[in-house]
């Protein structure tokens, strides 16, 4: 499966109602774009599993600061 960061950003913007399309950039600090919560973390984990068939966990999210950080973790695990 090929993936690119713009597609990943589009999926994120679709998943979260609080994110206005076109807002996120690779360097965006995702926890500051909207009110971050454990529910939003679960939504992210589910979206990544559904879209990319990749499992991420709370530690992956905690160690990621930007959208690009998250993307790199997922990209490494895509088969």
Protein backbone atom coordinates (compact mmCIF):
# COMPACT_ATOMS: atom_id res chain seq x y z
CA UNK A 1 0.00 0.00 0.00
CA UNK A 2 1.32 3.40 -0.90
CA UNK A 3 0.44 6.35 1.26
CA UNK A 4 1.30 9.99 1.33
CA UNK A 5 1.10 12.63 4.01
CA UNK A 6 -1.52 14.73 2.21
CA UNK A 7 -3.85 11.73 2.07
CA UNK A 8 -3.18 11.08 5.78
CA UNK A 9 -4.00 14.71 6.61
CA UNK A 10 -7.23 14.48 4.59
CA UNK A 11 -8.26 11.41 6.60
CA UNK A 12 -7.54 13.25 9.86
CA UNK A 13 -9.54 16.29 8.78
CA UNK A 14 -12.48 14.07 7.79
CA UNK A 15 -12.39 12.16 11.07
CA UNK A 16 -12.48 15.15 13.43
CA UNK A 17 -15.37 17.59 13.11
CA UNK A 18 -13.39 20.24 15.01
CA UNK A 19 -10.70 20.44 12.31
CA UNK A 20 -11.53 22.73 9.44
CA UNK A 21 -10.41 21.17 6.13
CA UNK A 22 -7.13 22.67 4.98
CA UNK A 23 -6.03 23.49 8.53
CA UNK A 24 -3.56 20.69 9.15
CA UNK A 25 -0.03 20.76 7.80
CA UNK A 26 2.74 18.18 8.31
CA UNK A 27 4.36 20.47 10.89
CA UNK A 28 1.08 21.07 12.80
CA UNK A 29 1.21 20.10 16.46
CA UNK A 30 -1.92 17.99 16.36
CA UNK A 31 -2.79 18.26 20.07
CA UNK A 32 -2.98 22.05 19.72
CA UNK A 33 -5.22 22.12 16.64
CA UNK A 34 -8.29 21.17 18.65
CA UNK A 35 -9.17 20.05 22.15
CA UNK A 36 -7.22 16.83 22.60
CA UNK A 37 -8.71 14.09 24.77
CA UNK A 38 -8.49 10.36 25.32
CA UNK A 39 -11.59 9.95 23.16
CA UNK A 40 -9.81 11.72 20.29
CA UNK A 41 -6.83 9.40 20.79
CA UNK A 42 -9.14 6.39 20.46
CA UNK A 43 -10.67 7.88 17.31
CA UNK A 44 -7.17 8.30 15.87
CA UNK A 45 -6.21 4.71 16.74
CA UNK A 46 -9.41 3.40 15.11
CA UNK A 47 -8.98 5.58 12.00
CA UNK A 48 -5.40 4.37 11.48
CA UNK A 49 -6.47 0.73 11.87
CA UNK A 50 -9.38 1.17 9.42
CA UNK A 51 -7.57 3.23 6.79
CA UNK A 52 -4.10 1.68 6.91
CA UNK A 53 -4.53 -1.65 8.76
CA UNK A 54 -1.84 -0.48 11.19
CA UNK A 55 -1.99 -0.62 14.95
CA UNK A 56 -0.76 2.40 16.90
CA UNK A 57 -0.98 2.83 20.64
CA UNK A 58 -1.07 5.56 23.26
CA UNK A 59 2.72 5.58 23.50
CA UNK A 60 3.03 6.21 19.75
CA UNK A 61 0.68 9.17 20.10
CA UNK A 62 2.42 10.47 23.23
CA UNK A 63 5.83 10.42 21.56
CA UNK A 64 4.50 12.20 18.47
CA UNK A 65 4.36 15.95 18.42
CA UNK A 66 3.44 16.81 14.86
CA UNK A 67 1.24 15.30 12.19
CA UNK A 68 4.43 14.30 10.35
CA UNK A 69 5.66 12.41 13.44
CA UNK A 70 2.46 10.36 13.48
CA UNK A 71 2.66 9.81 9.76
CA UNK A 72 6.23 8.47 9.97
CA UNK A 73 5.22 5.92 12.64
CA UNK A 74 2.32 4.69 10.52
CA UNK A 75 4.33 4.71 7.30
CA UNK A 76 6.98 2.44 8.86
CA UNK A 77 4.28 -0.09 9.81
CA UNK A 78 2.34 -0.15 6.55
CA UNK A 79 3.01 -3.39 4.72
